[in-house]
Amino acid sequence: MSDAAQQYIDDMATSRGYVLDYHKVMAKHDFDVLQAANGVVKAAYLEQRTLDRKTKELIFIVTLTVMRASKGHIQSHIRVALDLGLSPREILEAIEISLPEAGIVAFQAGVEAWREVTGADGIEPTVTVHEGGSGSEA
């Protein structure tokens, strides 16, 4: 691994607030492609343009939820959104937008990612009930 690749990963972590496993792998095994892919992300997401970073994070959270990205990927953007000052409620409301567009399964995955990051809990029934877990039932 080169010093340039290490510095690049460190810079990515600083500017984004996270790095994903594929970023780390690509830095070591195909640094040129990582730089090319990151150039698009930098232009569309990291550079200050018309949309502010908070808005971009909410868009990322919703699109990742709709696309059924990994929970960890969704959670990385939830954490950044919280770091930027968005409230857990604002993030939840963004995730709720996925429900009519992507359906209950995608929505539930987004809520579960949000719940784990924020530590949110629910109201337990006081009557006998079968546990539903976090399945896809409505």
Protein backbone atom coordinates (compact mmCIF):
# COMPACT_ATOMS: atom_id res chain seq x y z
CA MET A 1 0.00 0.00 0.00
CA SER A 2 1.32 3.41 -0.89
CA ASP A 3 1.52 6.42 1.35
CA ALA A 4 -0.67 8.25 -1.20
CA ALA A 5 -3.44 5.64 -0.85
CA GLN A 6 -3.30 5.86 2.95
CA GLN A 7 -3.47 9.64 2.84
CA TYR A 8 -6.39 9.44 0.40
CA ILE A 9 -8.39 7.14 2.71
CA ASP A 10 -7.64 9.42 5.66
CA ASP A 11 -8.78 12.45 3.64
CA MET A 12 -11.95 10.61 2.59
CA ALA A 13 -12.72 9.78 6.22
CA THR A 14 -12.20 13.40 7.22
CA SER A 15 -14.30 14.91 4.44
CA ARG A 16 -17.13 12.35 4.53
CA GLY A 17 -17.20 11.43 8.20
CA TYR A 18 -17.00 7.73 7.26
CA VAL A 19 -15.38 5.29 4.84
CA LEU A 20 -16.93 2.06 3.63
CA ASP A 21 -15.20 -1.30 3.36
CA TYR A 22 -15.10 -1.08 -0.43
CA HIS A 23 -13.25 2.24 -0.18
CA LYS A 24 -10.54 0.56 1.92
CA VAL A 25 -10.26 -2.42 -0.43
CA MET A 26 -10.13 -0.26 -3.56
CA ALA A 27 -7.48 2.01 -2.01
CA LYS A 28 -5.24 -1.01 -1.61
CA HIS A 29 -6.08 -2.95 -4.77
CA ASP A 30 -7.12 -0.39 -7.41
CA PHE A 31 -6.36 3.09 -6.20
CA ASP A 32 -6.93 4.65 -9.64
CA VAL A 33 -10.54 3.44 -9.85
CA LEU A 34 -11.23 4.55 -6.29
CA GLN A 35 -10.01 8.04 -7.15
CA ALA A 36 -12.15 8.13 -10.31
CA ALA A 37 -15.30 6.96 -8.52
CA ASN A 38 -14.68 9.30 -5.62
CA GLY A 39 -14.34 12.21 -8.04
CA VAL A 40 -18.00 11.85 -9.00
CA VAL A 41 -19.05 11.54 -5.36
CA LYS A 42 -16.95 14.55 -4.45
CA ALA A 43 -18.52 16.71 -7.17
CA ALA A 44 -22.12 15.64 -6.49
CA TYR A 45 -22.04 15.17 -2.71
CA LEU A 46 -19.09 16.73 -0.94
CA GLU A 47 -18.58 20.00 -2.80
CA GLN A 48 -20.74 22.90 -1.67
CA ARG A 49 -23.22 23.67 -4.40
CA THR A 50 -26.88 24.68 -4.15
CA LEU A 51 -27.98 21.96 -1.71
CA ASP A 52 -26.46 22.03 1.75
CA ARG A 53 -24.83 18.98 3.32
CA LYS A 54 -27.80 18.26 5.63
CA THR A 55 -30.17 18.05 2.67
CA LYS A 56 -27.75 15.82 0.78
CA GLU A 57 -27.50 13.47 3.76
CA LEU A 58 -31.28 13.16 3.96
CA ILE A 59 -31.40 12.41 0.24
CA PHE A 60 -28.69 9.79 0.64
CA ILE A 61 -30.52 8.14 3.55
CA VAL A 62 -33.77 7.94 1.59
CA THR A 63 -32.17 6.71 -1.63
CA LEU A 64 -30.07 4.12 0.20
CA THR A 65 -33.22 2.93 2.00
CA VAL A 66 -35.17 2.71 -1.26
CA MET A 67 -32.29 0.87 -2.95
CA ARG A 68 -32.11 -1.51 0.03
CA ALA A 69 -28.46 -0.77 0.67
CA SER A 70 -26.72 -2.53 3.52
CA LYS A 71 -27.74 -1.46 6.99
CA GLY A 72 -24.20 -0.32 7.70
CA HIS A 73 -24.18 1.96 4.66
CA ILE A 74 -27.48 3.55 5.67
CA GLN A 75 -26.25 3.91 9.24
CA SER A 76 -23.05 5.67 8.14
CA HIS A 77 -25.16 8.42 6.59
CA ILE A 78 -27.51 8.55 9.59
CA ARG A 79 -24.49 9.12 11.84
CA VAL A 80 -23.16 11.88 9.59
CA ALA A 81 -26.63 13.48 9.52
CA LEU A 82 -26.73 13.46 13.33
CA ASP A 83 -23.21 14.92 13.44
CA LEU A 84 -24.40 17.71 11.13
CA GLY A 85 -27.15 18.60 13.59
CA LEU A 86 -30.17 16.88 12.08
CA SER A 87 -32.51 15.50 14.70
CA PRO A 88 -33.45 11.83 14.91
CA ARG A 89 -37.04 12.89 14.08
CA GLU A 90 -35.94 14.72 10.90
CA ILE A 91 -34.05 11.64 9.77
CA LEU A 92 -37.02 9.36 10.55
CA GLU A 93 -39.33 11.64 8.56
CA ALA A 94 -36.97 11.36 5.59
CA ILE A 95 -36.96 7.56 5.88
CA GLU A 96 -40.77 7.60 6.00
CA ILE A 97 -40.77 9.04 2.47
CA SER A 98 -39.51 5.65 1.28
CA LEU A 99 -42.70 3.88 2.41
CA PRO A 100 -45.06 4.85 -0.44
CA GLU A 101 -42.32 4.63 -3.07
CA ALA A 102 -40.40 1.50 -2.09
CA GLY A 103 -42.78 -0.40 0.15
CA ILE A 104 -42.84 -1.74 3.67
CA VAL A 105 -39.75 -3.99 3.41
CA ALA A 106 -37.41 -1.18 2.40
CA PHE A 107 -39.05 1.18 4.91
CA GLN A 108 -38.64 -1.31 7.77
CA ALA A 109 -34.96 -1.79 6.93
CA GLY A 110 -34.45 1.96 7.03
CA VAL A 111 -36.28 2.30 10.34
CA GLU A 112 -34.25 -0.56 11.81
CA ALA A 113 -30.98 1.10 10.74
CA TRP A 114 -32.22 4.38 12.27
CA ARG A 115 -33.39 2.67 15.47
CA GLU A 116 -30.02 1.06 16.07
CA VAL A 117 -28.10 4.30 15.57
CA THR A 118 -30.41 6.50 17.63
CA GLY A 119 -31.25 3.96 20.34
CA ALA A 120 -34.97 4.49 19.78
CA ASP A 121 -37.31 2.02 21.39
CA GLY A 122 -41.00 1.32 21.05
CA ILE A 123 -44.11 0.71 23.08
CA GLU A 124 -44.54 -2.93 24.06
CA PRO A 125 -48.04 -4.42 24.03
CA THR A 126 -49.47 -5.33 27.40
CA VAL A 127 -51.49 -8.20 25.91
CA THR A 128 -50.32 -11.60 24.77
CA VAL A 129 -48.95 -11.40 21.26
CA HIS A 130 -46.67 -13.33 18.93
CA GLU A 131 -43.36 -11.61 18.36
CA GLY A 132 -43.16 -10.15 14.89
CA GLY A 133 -39.50 -9.28 14.99
CA SER A 134 -38.41 -6.95 12.24
CA GLY A 135 -40.03 -8.94 9.45
CA SER A 136 -41.80 -7.58 6.42
CA GLU A 137 -45.38 -7.84 7.60
CA ALA A 138 -47.39 -4.62 7.64
